[in-house]
């Protein structure tokens, strides 16, 4: 398990434990965290699980693949230096302490 901090656009923080092997999107869903919708269920077919990764974590995560990068074009105000889709990030012990910020809205 890894402790992940999800920060809503309003500044409200949710610190939750997410089981290894789940995605960040599933962790948000399972913990009823608002702001991550995941309309496609994690198939990387929408951008409704978009977040901004805290700057000190960007280089610690696996790189986004081409499909994720293409899908980020549909996200609300993506910042290609730190935007990610939470459905594409699998939780491991090494992600303990990860902080992600949610955009103002999901589209």
PDB file of N, CA and C in Angstrom:
ATOM      1  N   UNK A   1       0.837  -1.189   0.000  1.00  0.00           N
ATOM      2  CA  UNK A   1       0.000   0.000   0.000  1.00  0.00           C
ATOM      3  C   UNK A   1       0.873   1.241   0.000  1.00  0.00           C
ATOM      4  N   UNK A   2       0.334   2.243  -0.632  1.00  0.00           N
ATOM      5  CA  UNK A   2       1.031   3.524  -0.672  1.00  0.00           C
ATOM      6  C   UNK A   2       0.062   4.612  -0.230  1.00  0.00           C
ATOM      7  N   UNK A   3       0.564   5.562   0.528  1.00  0.00           N
ATOM      8  CA  UNK A   3      -0.236   6.707   0.947  1.00  0.00           C
ATOM      9  C   UNK A   3      -0.148   7.753  -0.162  1.00  0.00           C
ATOM     10  N   UNK A   4      -1.303   8.104  -0.733  1.00  0.00           N
ATOM     11  CA  UNK A   4      -1.388   9.056  -1.840  1.00  0.00           C
ATOM     12  C   UNK A   4      -2.204  10.256  -1.370  1.00  0.00           C
ATOM     13  N   UNK A   5      -1.763  11.452  -1.757  1.00  0.00           N
ATOM     14  CA  UNK A   5      -2.502  12.674  -1.440  1.00  0.00           C
ATOM     15  C   UNK A   5      -3.120  13.215  -2.718  1.00  0.00           C
ATOM     16  N   UNK A   6      -4.434  13.294  -2.717  1.00  0.00           N
ATOM     17  CA  UNK A   6      -5.199  13.877  -3.815  1.00  0.00           C
ATOM     18  C   UNK A   6      -5.664  15.252  -3.331  1.00  0.00           C
ATOM     19  N   UNK A   7      -5.374  16.301  -4.080  1.00  0.00           N
ATOM     20  CA  UNK A   7      -5.766  17.642  -3.674  1.00  0.00           C
ATOM     21  C   UNK A   7      -6.770  18.195  -4.687  1.00  0.00           C
ATOM     22  N   UNK A   8      -7.965  18.482  -4.192  1.00  0.00           N
ATOM     23  CA  UNK A   8      -8.999  19.050  -5.047  1.00  0.00           C
ATOM     24  C   UNK A   8      -8.597  20.455  -5.478  1.00  0.00           C
ATOM     25  N   UNK A   9      -9.216  20.940  -6.538  1.00  0.00           N
ATOM     26  CA  UNK A   9      -8.933  22.287  -7.037  1.00  0.00           C
ATOM     27  C   UNK A   9      -9.170  23.340  -5.950  1.00  0.00           C
ATOM     28  N   UNK A  10     -10.113  23.077  -5.059  1.00  0.00           N
ATOM     29  CA  UNK A  10     -10.432  23.999  -3.961  1.00  0.00           C
ATOM     30  C   UNK A  10      -9.369  24.018  -2.875  1.00  0.00           C
ATOM     31  N   UNK A  11      -8.464  23.029  -2.918  1.00  0.00           N
ATOM     32  CA  UNK A  11      -7.430  22.928  -1.895  1.00  0.00           C
ATOM     33  C   UNK A  11      -7.687  21.840  -0.875  1.00  0.00           C
ATOM     34  N   UNK A  12      -8.864  21.240  -0.893  1.00  0.00           N
ATOM     35  CA  UNK A  12      -9.177  20.164   0.041  1.00  0.00           C
ATOM     36  C   UNK A  12      -8.289  18.955  -0.242  1.00  0.00           C
ATOM     37  N   UNK A  13      -7.622  18.465   0.798  1.00  0.00           N
ATOM     38  CA  UNK A  13      -6.713  17.327   0.656  1.00  0.00           C
ATOM     39  C   UNK A  13      -7.376  16.038   1.132  1.00  0.00           C
ATOM     40  N   UNK A  14      -7.077  14.974   0.415  1.00  0.00           N
ATOM     41  CA  UNK A  14      -7.514  13.630   0.787  1.00  0.00           C
ATOM     42  C   UNK A  14      -6.267  12.755   0.806  1.00  0.00           C
ATOM     43  N   UNK A  15      -5.877  12.285   1.965  1.00  0.00           N
ATOM     44  CA  UNK A  15      -4.728  11.395   2.086  1.00  0.00           C
ATOM     45  C   UNK A  15      -5.281  10.002   2.349  1.00  0.00           C
ATOM     46  N   UNK A  16      -5.037   9.092   1.418  1.00  0.00           N
ATOM     47  CA  UNK A  16      -5.607   7.744   1.525  1.00  0.00           C
ATOM     48  C   UNK A  16      -4.543   6.705   1.196  1.00  0.00           C
ATOM     49  N   UNK A  17      -4.763   5.507   1.689  1.00  0.00           N
ATOM     50  CA  UNK A  17      -3.912   4.381   1.323  1.00  0.00           C
ATOM     51  C   UNK A  17      -4.544   3.674   0.139  1.00  0.00           C
ATOM     52  N   UNK A  18      -3.708   3.398  -0.863  1.00  0.00           N
ATOM     53  CA  UNK A  18      -4.172   2.727  -2.075  1.00  0.00           C
ATOM     54  C   UNK A  18      -3.367   1.446  -2.225  1.00  0.00           C
ATOM     55  N   UNK A  19      -4.048   0.359  -2.469  1.00  0.00           N
ATOM     56  CA  UNK A  19      -3.390  -0.951  -2.583  1.00  0.00           C
ATOM     57  C   UNK A  19      -2.511  -1.026  -3.821  1.00  0.00           C
ATOM     58  N   UNK A  20      -1.382  -1.682  -3.683  1.00  0.00           N
ATOM     59  CA  UNK A  20      -0.503  -1.923  -4.824  1.00  0.00           C
ATOM     60  C   UNK A  20      -1.274  -2.651  -5.919  1.00  0.00           C
ATOM     61  N   UNK A  21      -0.998  -2.269  -7.158  1.00  0.00           N
ATOM     62  CA  UNK A  21      -1.634  -2.893  -8.299  1.00  0.00           C
ATOM     63  C   UNK A  21      -2.853  -2.141  -8.796  1.00  0.00           C
ATOM     64  N   UNK A  22      -3.473  -1.334  -7.927  1.00  0.00           N
ATOM     65  CA  UNK A  22      -4.578  -0.497  -8.381  1.00  0.00           C
ATOM     66  C   UNK A  22      -3.996   0.725  -9.080  1.00  0.00           C
ATOM     67  N   UNK A  23      -4.822   1.404  -9.853  1.00  0.00           N
ATOM     68  CA  UNK A  23      -4.383   2.660 -10.448  1.00  0.00           C
ATOM     69  C   UNK A  23      -4.757   3.806  -9.504  1.00  0.00           C
ATOM     70  N   UNK A  24      -4.161   4.963  -9.745  1.00  0.00           N
ATOM     71  CA  UNK A  24      -4.532   6.139  -8.957  1.00  0.00           C
ATOM     72  C   UNK A  24      -6.010   6.461  -9.129  1.00  0.00           C
ATOM     73  N   UNK A  25      -6.551   6.227 -10.323  1.00  0.00           N
ATOM     74  CA  UNK A  25      -7.977   6.459 -10.561  1.00  0.00           C
ATOM     75  C   UNK A  25      -8.821   5.529  -9.686  1.00  0.00           C
ATOM     76  N   UNK A  26      -8.457   4.257  -9.634  1.00  0.00           N
ATOM     77  CA  UNK A  26      -9.206   3.300  -8.812  1.00  0.00           C
ATOM     78  C   UNK A  26      -9.110   3.666  -7.334  1.00  0.00           C
ATOM     79  N   UNK A  27      -7.948   4.155  -6.925  1.00  0.00           N
ATOM     80  CA  UNK A  27      -7.780   4.601  -5.545  1.00  0.00           C
ATOM     81  C   UNK A  27      -8.706   5.754  -5.208  1.00  0.00           C
ATOM     82  N   UNK A  28      -8.837   6.695  -6.124  1.00  0.00           N
ATOM     83  CA  UNK A  28      -9.747   7.825  -5.917  1.00  0.00           C
ATOM     84  C   UNK A  28     -11.195   7.334  -5.877  1.00  0.00           C
ATOM     85  N   UNK A  29     -11.541   6.485  -6.816  1.00  0.00           N
ATOM     86  CA  UNK A  29     -12.913   5.946  -6.884  1.00  0.00           C
ATOM     87  C   UNK A  29     -13.263   5.180  -5.607  1.00  0.00           C
ATOM     88  N   UNK A  30     -12.368   4.296  -5.191  1.00  0.00           N
ATOM     89  CA  UNK A  30     -12.632   3.450  -4.027  1.00  0.00           C
ATOM     90  C   UNK A  30     -12.714   4.236  -2.727  1.00  0.00           C
ATOM     91  N   UNK A  31     -12.127   5.434  -2.708  1.00  0.00           N
ATOM     92  CA  UNK A  31     -12.134   6.267  -1.513  1.00  0.00           C
ATOM     93  C   UNK A  31     -13.068   7.466  -1.639  1.00  0.00           C
ATOM     94  N   UNK A  32     -13.944   7.418  -2.651  1.00  0.00           N
ATOM     95  CA  UNK A  32     -14.967   8.463  -2.853  1.00  0.00           C
ATOM     96  C   UNK A  32     -14.381   9.866  -2.910  1.00  0.00           C
ATOM     97  N   UNK A  33     -13.265  10.012  -3.612  1.00  0.00           N
ATOM     98  CA  UNK A  33     -12.627  11.311  -3.754  1.00  0.00           C
ATOM     99  C   UNK A  33     -13.238  12.030  -4.948  1.00  0.00           C
ATOM    100  N   UNK A  34     -13.834  13.192  -4.723  1.00  0.00           N
ATOM    101  CA  UNK A  34     -14.431  13.927  -5.833  1.00  0.00           C
ATOM    102  C   UNK A  34     -13.366  14.554  -6.724  1.00  0.00           C
ATOM    103  N   UNK A  35     -13.705  14.728  -8.004  1.00  0.00           N
ATOM    104  CA  UNK A  35     -12.800  15.418  -8.916  1.00  0.00           C
ATOM    105  C   UNK A  35     -12.095  14.521  -9.906  1.00  0.00           C
ATOM    106  N   UNK A  36     -12.156  13.225  -9.690  1.00  0.00           N
ATOM    107  CA  UNK A  36     -11.618  12.264 -10.649  1.00  0.00           C
ATOM    108  C   UNK A  36     -12.785  11.381 -11.053  1.00  0.00           C
ATOM    109  N   UNK A  37     -13.240  11.552 -12.296  1.00  0.00           N
ATOM    110  CA  UNK A  37     -14.456  10.871 -12.731  1.00  0.00           C
ATOM    111  C   UNK A  37     -14.192   9.495 -13.339  1.00  0.00           C
ATOM    112  N   UNK A  38     -13.209   9.375 -14.212  1.00  0.00           N
ATOM    113  CA  UNK A  38     -12.908   8.087 -14.815  1.00  0.00           C
ATOM    114  C   UNK A  38     -14.059   7.507 -15.614  1.00  0.00           C
ATOM    115  N   UNK A  39     -14.648   8.328 -16.482  1.00  0.00           N
ATOM    116  CA  UNK A  39     -15.822   7.901 -17.240  1.00  0.00           C
ATOM    117  C   UNK A  39     -15.605   6.634 -18.062  1.00  0.00           C
ATOM    118  N   UNK A  40     -14.402   6.417 -18.569  1.00  0.00           N
ATOM    119  CA  UNK A  40     -14.167   5.245 -19.419  1.00  0.00           C
ATOM    120  C   UNK A  40     -13.782   4.010 -18.610  1.00  0.00           C
ATOM    121  N   UNK A  41     -13.733   4.145 -17.294  1.00  0.00           N
ATOM    122  CA  UNK A  41     -13.423   2.997 -16.449  1.00  0.00           C
ATOM    123  C   UNK A  41     -11.957   2.614 -16.430  1.00  0.00           C
ATOM    124  N   UNK A  42     -11.110   3.446 -16.967  1.00  0.00           N
ATOM    125  CA  UNK A  42      -9.675   3.166 -16.924  1.00  0.00           C
ATOM    126  C   UNK A  42      -9.096   2.656 -18.219  1.00  0.00           C
ATOM    127  N   UNK A  43      -9.830   2.801 -19.309  1.00  0.00           N
ATOM    128  CA  UNK A  43      -9.383   2.293 -20.610  1.00  0.00           C
ATOM    129  C   UNK A  43      -8.530   3.294 -21.396  1.00  0.00           C
ATOM    130  N   UNK A  44      -8.218   4.419 -20.794  1.00  0.00           N
ATOM    131  CA  UNK A  44      -7.456   5.487 -21.471  1.00  0.00           C
ATOM    132  C   UNK A  44      -8.188   5.940 -22.731  1.00  0.00           C
ATOM    133  N   UNK A  45      -9.511   6.068 -22.593  1.00  0.00           N
ATOM    134  CA  UNK A  45     -10.345   6.472 -23.723  1.00  0.00           C
ATOM    135  C   UNK A  45     -11.061   7.793 -23.457  1.00  0.00           C
ATOM    136  N   UNK A  46     -10.695   8.469 -22.381  1.00  0.00           N
ATOM    137  CA  UNK A  46     -11.233   9.793 -22.079  1.00  0.00           C
ATOM    138  C   UNK A  46     -10.160  10.532 -21.282  1.00  0.00           C
ATOM    139  N   UNK A  47     -10.483  11.705 -20.810  1.00  0.00           N
ATOM    140  CA  UNK A  47      -9.496  12.441 -20.011  1.00  0.00           C
ATOM    141  C   UNK A  47     -10.081  12.878 -18.684  1.00  0.00           C
ATOM    142  N   UNK A  48     -11.097  12.174 -18.199  1.00  0.00           N
ATOM    143  CA  UNK A  48     -11.802  12.607 -16.995  1.00  0.00           C
ATOM    144  C   UNK A  48     -11.150  12.148 -15.697  1.00  0.00           C
ATOM    145  N   UNK A  49      -9.930  11.669 -15.788  1.00  0.00           N
ATOM    146  CA  UNK A  49      -9.166  11.327 -14.580  1.00  0.00           C
ATOM    147  C   UNK A  49      -7.843  12.098 -14.559  1.00  0.00           C
ATOM    148  N   UNK A  50      -7.836  13.212 -15.263  1.00  0.00           N
ATOM    149  CA  UNK A  50      -6.648  14.060 -15.396  1.00  0.00           C
ATOM    150  C   UNK A  50      -6.260  14.689 -14.059  1.00  0.00           C
ATOM    151  N   UNK A  51      -4.957  14.702 -13.775  1.00  0.00           N
ATOM    152  CA  UNK A  51      -4.414  15.398 -12.611  1.00  0.00           C
ATOM    153  C   UNK A  51      -3.097  16.053 -12.996  1.00  0.00           C
ATOM    154  N   UNK A  52      -2.654  16.951 -12.120  1.00  0.00           N
ATOM    155  CA  UNK A  52      -1.324  17.540 -12.216  1.00  0.00           C
ATOM    156  C   UNK A  52      -0.479  16.904 -11.116  1.00  0.00           C
ATOM    157  N   UNK A  53       0.601  16.272 -11.510  1.00  0.00           N
ATOM    158  CA  UNK A  53       1.499  15.630 -10.558  1.00  0.00           C
ATOM    159  C   UNK A  53       2.353  16.710  -9.896  1.00  0.00           C
ATOM    160  N   UNK A  54       2.541  16.602  -8.588  1.00  0.00           N
ATOM    161  CA  UNK A  54       3.405  17.553  -7.877  1.00  0.00           C
ATOM    162  C   UNK A  54       4.776  17.558  -8.551  1.00  0.00           C
ATOM    163  N   UNK A  55       5.359  18.743  -8.725  1.00  0.00           N
ATOM    164  CA  UNK A  55       6.614  18.854  -9.474  1.00  0.00           C
ATOM    165  C   UNK A  55       7.736  17.913  -9.013  1.00  0.00           C
ATOM    166  N   UNK A  56       7.849  17.687  -7.715  1.00  0.00           N
ATOM    167  CA  UNK A  56       8.924  16.818  -7.224  1.00  0.00           C
ATOM    168  C   UNK A  56       8.672  15.334  -7.490  1.00  0.00           C
ATOM    169  N   UNK A  57       7.509  14.989  -8.025  1.00  0.00           N
ATOM    170  CA  UNK A  57       7.175  13.606  -8.355  1.00  0.00           C
ATOM    171  C   UNK A  57       7.221  13.301  -9.846  1.00  0.00           C
ATOM    172  N   UNK A  58       7.264  14.305 -10.676  1.00  0.00           N
ATOM    173  CA  UNK A  58       7.166  14.102 -12.127  1.00  0.00           C
ATOM    174  C   UNK A  58       8.200  13.086 -12.629  1.00  0.00           C
ATOM    175  N   UNK A  59       9.436  13.239 -12.236  1.00  0.00           N
ATOM    176  CA  UNK A  59      10.506  12.365 -12.730  1.00  0.00           C
ATOM    177  C   UNK A  59      10.511  10.990 -12.061  1.00  0.00           C
ATOM    178  N   UNK A  60       9.788  10.836 -10.976  1.00  0.00           N
ATOM    179  CA  UNK A  60       9.757   9.562 -10.248  1.00  0.00           C
ATOM    180  C   UNK A  60       8.734   8.582 -10.826  1.00  0.00           C
ATOM    181  N   UNK A  61       7.812   9.102 -11.639  1.00  0.00           N
ATOM    182  CA  UNK A  61       6.770   8.245 -12.220  1.00  0.00           C
ATOM    183  C   UNK A  61       7.233   7.667 -13.547  1.00  0.00           C
ATOM    184  N   UNK A  62       6.702   6.497 -13.920  1.00  0.00           N
ATOM    185  CA  UNK A  62       6.975   5.983 -15.268  1.00  0.00           C
ATOM    186  C   UNK A  62       6.489   6.994 -16.298  1.00  0.00           C
ATOM    187  N   UNK A  63       7.167   7.092 -17.399  1.00  0.00           N
ATOM    188  CA  UNK A  63       6.792   8.032 -18.465  1.00  0.00           C
ATOM    189  C   UNK A  63       5.430   7.659 -19.056  1.00  0.00           C
ATOM    190  N   UNK A  64       4.700   8.673 -19.476  1.00  0.00           N
ATOM    191  CA  UNK A  64       3.415   8.455 -20.157  1.00  0.00           C
ATOM    192  C   UNK A  64       3.682   7.872 -21.540  1.00  0.00           C
ATOM    193  N   UNK A  65       2.851   6.923 -21.955  1.00  0.00           N
ATOM    194  CA  UNK A  65       3.007   6.372 -23.301  1.00  0.00           C
ATOM    195  C   UNK A  65       2.266   7.259 -24.303  1.00  0.00           C
ATOM    196  N   UNK A  66       2.410   6.952 -25.573  1.00  0.00           N
ATOM    197  CA  UNK A  66       1.828   7.789 -26.632  1.00  0.00           C
ATOM    198  C   UNK A  66       0.308   7.895 -26.524  1.00  0.00           C
ATOM    199  N   UNK A  67      -0.355   6.809 -26.151  1.00  0.00           N
ATOM    200  CA  UNK A  67      -1.812   6.831 -26.048  1.00  0.00           C
ATOM    201  C   UNK A  67      -2.249   7.817 -24.956  1.00  0.00           C
ATOM    202  N   UNK A  68      -1.582   7.794 -23.811  1.00  0.00           N
ATOM    203  CA  UNK A  68      -1.917   8.719 -22.730  1.00  0.00           C
ATOM    204  C   UNK A  68      -1.648  10.165 -23.147  1.00  0.00           C
ATOM    205  N   UNK A  69      -0.527  10.393 -23.783  1.00  0.00           N
ATOM    206  CA  UNK A  69      -0.185  11.747 -24.240  1.00  0.00           C
ATOM    207  C   UNK A  69      -1.236  12.269 -25.211  1.00  0.00           C
ATOM    208  N   UNK A  70      -1.669  11.406 -26.139  1.00  0.00           N
ATOM    209  CA  UNK A  70      -2.715  11.812 -27.094  1.00  0.00           C
ATOM    210  C   UNK A  70      -4.019  12.148 -26.372  1.00  0.00           C
ATOM    211  N   UNK A  71      -4.377  11.354 -25.380  1.00  0.00           N
ATOM    212  CA  UNK A  71      -5.638  11.569 -24.661  1.00  0.00           C
ATOM    213  C   UNK A  71      -5.578  12.844 -23.817  1.00  0.00           C
ATOM    214  N   UNK A  72      -4.410  13.241 -23.365  1.00  0.00           N
ATOM    215  CA  UNK A  72      -4.275  14.477 -22.584  1.00  0.00           C
ATOM    216  C   UNK A  72      -4.629  15.717 -23.404  1.00  0.00           C
ATOM    217  N   UNK A  73      -4.598  15.592 -24.735  1.00  0.00           N
ATOM    218  CA  UNK A  73      -5.027  16.711 -25.584  1.00  0.00           C
ATOM    219  C   UNK A  73      -6.477  17.097 -25.320  1.00  0.00           C
ATOM    220  N   UNK A  74      -7.267  16.157 -24.788  1.00  0.00           N
ATOM    221  CA  UNK A  74      -8.684  16.399 -24.530  1.00  0.00           C
ATOM    222  C   UNK A  74      -8.955  16.849 -23.097  1.00  0.00           C
ATOM    223  N   UNK A  75      -7.923  16.895 -22.263  1.00  0.00           N
ATOM    224  CA  UNK A  75      -8.079  17.275 -20.858  1.00  0.00           C
ATOM    225  C   UNK A  75      -8.272  18.784 -20.721  1.00  0.00           C
ATOM    226  N   UNK A  76      -8.827  19.189 -19.587  1.00  0.00           N
ATOM    227  CA  UNK A  76      -9.003  20.607 -19.295  1.00  0.00           C
ATOM    228  C   UNK A  76      -7.659  21.198 -18.879  1.00  0.00           C
ATOM    229  N   UNK A  77      -7.203  22.183 -19.629  1.00  0.00           N
ATOM    230  CA  UNK A  77      -5.965  22.918 -19.354  1.00  0.00           C
ATOM    231  C   UNK A  77      -4.785  22.008 -18.973  1.00  0.00           C
ATOM    232  N   UNK A  78      -4.397  21.108 -19.874  1.00  0.00           N
ATOM    233  CA  UNK A  78      -3.259  20.248 -19.557  1.00  0.00           C
ATOM    234  C   UNK A  78      -1.957  21.034 -19.475  1.00  0.00           C
ATOM    235  N   UNK A  79      -1.092  20.584 -18.614  1.00  0.00           N
ATOM    236  CA  UNK A  79       0.268  21.111 -18.483  1.00  0.00           C
ATOM    237  C   UNK A  79       1.162  19.924 -18.812  1.00  0.00           C
ATOM    238  N   UNK A  80       1.648  19.877 -20.027  1.00  0.00           N
ATOM    239  CA  UNK A  80       2.344  18.677 -20.492  1.00  0.00           C
ATOM    240  C   UNK A  80       3.607  18.372 -19.695  1.00  0.00           C
ATOM    241  N   UNK A  81       4.056  19.284 -18.860  1.00  0.00           N
ATOM    242  CA  UNK A  81       5.212  18.984 -18.020  1.00  0.00           C
ATOM    243  C   UNK A  81       4.825  18.166 -16.790  1.00  0.00           C
ATOM    244  N   UNK A  82       3.511  18.179 -16.428  1.00  0.00           N
ATOM    245  CA  UNK A  82       3.121  17.422 -15.236  1.00  0.00           C
ATOM    246  C   UNK A  82       1.706  16.849 -15.252  1.00  0.00           C
ATOM    247  N   UNK A  83       0.984  16.987 -16.360  1.00  0.00           N
ATOM    248  CA  UNK A  83      -0.349  16.386 -16.466  1.00  0.00           C
ATOM    249  C   UNK A  83      -0.236  14.884 -16.711  1.00  0.00           C
ATOM    250  N   UNK A  84      -1.091  14.140 -16.031  1.00  0.00           N
ATOM    251  CA  UNK A  84      -1.165  12.691 -16.237  1.00  0.00           C
ATOM    252  C   UNK A  84      -2.605  12.238 -16.096  1.00  0.00           C
ATOM    253  N   UNK A  85      -2.887  11.062 -16.643  1.00  0.00           N
ATOM    254  CA  UNK A  85      -4.173  10.407 -16.444  1.00  0.00           C
ATOM    255  C   UNK A  85      -3.994   9.380 -15.336  1.00  0.00           C
ATOM    256  N   UNK A  86      -4.813   9.472 -14.306  1.00  0.00           N
ATOM    257  CA  UNK A  86      -4.631   8.591 -13.156  1.00  0.00           C
ATOM    258  C   UNK A  86      -4.923   7.128 -13.471  1.00  0.00           C
ATOM    259  N   UNK A  87      -5.649   6.875 -14.546  1.00  0.00           N
ATOM    260  CA  UNK A  87      -5.926   5.482 -14.922  1.00  0.00           C
ATOM    261  C   UNK A  87      -4.681   4.786 -15.458  1.00  0.00           C
ATOM    262  N   UNK A  88      -3.647   5.545 -15.757  1.00  0.00           N
ATOM    263  CA  UNK A  88      -2.445   4.981 -16.359  1.00  0.00           C
ATOM    264  C   UNK A  88      -1.280   4.866 -15.380  1.00  0.00           C
ATOM    265  N   UNK A  89      -1.515   5.166 -14.118  1.00  0.00           N
ATOM    266  CA  UNK A  89      -0.443   5.092 -13.118  1.00  0.00           C
ATOM    267  C   UNK A  89      -0.804   4.024 -12.102  1.00  0.00           C
ATOM    268  N   UNK A  90      -0.045   2.918 -12.117  1.00  0.00           N
ATOM    269  CA  UNK A  90      -0.252   1.817 -11.177  1.00  0.00           C
ATOM    270  C   UNK A  90       0.475   2.118  -9.870  1.00  0.00           C
ATOM    271  N   UNK A  91      -0.195   1.839  -8.777  1.00  0.00           N
ATOM    272  CA  UNK A  91       0.363   2.089  -7.461  1.00  0.00           C
ATOM    273  C   UNK A  91       1.351   0.986  -7.079  1.00  0.00           C
ATOM    274  N   UNK A  92       2.481   1.415  -6.559  1.00  0.00           N
ATOM    275  CA  UNK A  92       3.493   0.531  -5.971  1.00  0.00           C
ATOM    276  C   UNK A  92       3.949   1.171  -4.655  1.00  0.00           C
ATOM    277  N   UNK A  93       4.697   0.432  -3.856  1.00  0.00           N
ATOM    278  CA  UNK A  93       5.222   0.995  -2.611  1.00  0.00           C
ATOM    279  C   UNK A  93       6.059   2.239  -2.872  1.00  0.00           C
ATOM    280  N   UNK A  94       6.719   2.296  -4.023  1.00  0.00           N
ATOM    281  CA  UNK A  94       7.580   3.426  -4.360  1.00  0.00           C
ATOM    282  C   UNK A  94       6.800   4.726  -4.557  1.00  0.00           C
ATOM    283  N   UNK A  95       5.486   4.633  -4.710  1.00  0.00           N
ATOM    284  CA  UNK A  95       4.672   5.832  -4.883  1.00  0.00           C
ATOM    285  C   UNK A  95       4.159   6.401  -3.562  1.00  0.00           C
ATOM    286  N   UNK A  96       4.562   5.810  -2.450  1.00  0.00           N
ATOM    287  CA  UNK A  96       4.162   6.330  -1.149  1.00  0.00           C
ATOM    288  C   UNK A  96       4.570   7.793  -1.010  1.00  0.00           C
ATOM    289  N   UNK A  97       3.604   8.649  -0.697  1.00  0.00           N
ATOM    290  CA  UNK A  97       3.865  10.071  -0.559  1.00  0.00           C
ATOM    291  C   UNK A  97       3.541  10.889  -1.790  1.00  0.00           C
ATOM    292  N   UNK A  98       3.134  10.228  -2.868  1.00  0.00           N
ATOM    293  CA  UNK A  98       2.788  10.924  -4.111  1.00  0.00           C
ATOM    294  C   UNK A  98       1.672  11.934  -3.857  1.00  0.00           C
ATOM    295  N   UNK A  99       1.810  13.098  -4.472  1.00  0.00           N
ATOM    296  CA  UNK A  99       0.803  14.158  -4.374  1.00  0.00           C
ATOM    297  C   UNK A  99       0.349  14.512  -5.781  1.00  0.00           C
ATOM    298  N   UNK A 100      -0.975  14.513  -5.975  1.00  0.00           N
ATOM    299  CA  UNK A 100      -1.548  14.935  -7.258  1.00  0.00           C
ATOM    300  C   UNK A 100      -2.604  16.002  -7.003  1.00  0.00           C
ATOM    301  N   UNK A 101      -2.686  16.969  -7.922  1.00  0.00           N
ATOM    302  CA  UNK A 101      -3.635  18.068  -7.833  1.00  0.00           C
ATOM    303  C   UNK A 101      -4.661  17.917  -8.952  1.00  0.00           C
ATOM    304  N   UNK A 102      -5.913  18.109  -8.622  1.00  0.00           N
ATOM    305  CA  UNK A 102      -6.959  17.992  -9.625  1.00  0.00           C
ATOM    306  C   UNK A 102      -7.212  19.325 -10.319  1.00  0.00           C
ATOM    307  N   UNK A 103      -7.556  19.263 -11.590  1.00  0.00           N
ATOM    308  CA  UNK A 103      -7.872  20.509 -12.311  1.00  0.00           C
ATOM    309  C   UNK A 103      -9.213  21.073 -11.833  1.00  0.00           C
ATOM    310  N   UNK A 104      -9.524  22.259 -12.303  1.00  0.00           N
ATOM    311  CA  UNK A 104     -10.778  22.909 -11.938  1.00  0.00           C
ATOM    312  C   UNK A 104     -11.986  22.076 -12.326  1.00  0.00           C
ATOM    313  N   UNK A 105     -11.873  21.369 -13.465  1.00  0.00           N
ATOM    314  CA  UNK A 105     -12.962  20.496 -13.908  1.00  0.00           C
ATOM    315  C   UNK A 105     -12.388  19.419 -14.823  1.00  0.00           C
ATOM    316  N   UNK A 106     -13.189  18.405 -15.058  1.00  0.00           N
ATOM    317  CA  UNK A 106     -12.833  17.337 -15.987  1.00  0.00           C
ATOM    318  C   UNK A 106     -13.727  17.484 -17.212  1.00  0.00           C
ATOM    319  N   UNK A 107     -13.161  17.240 -18.394  1.00  0.00           N
ATOM    320  CA  UNK A 107     -13.983  17.311 -19.602  1.00  0.00           C
ATOM    321  C   UNK A 107     -13.765  16.085 -20.452  1.00  0.00           C
TER     322      UNK A 107
END
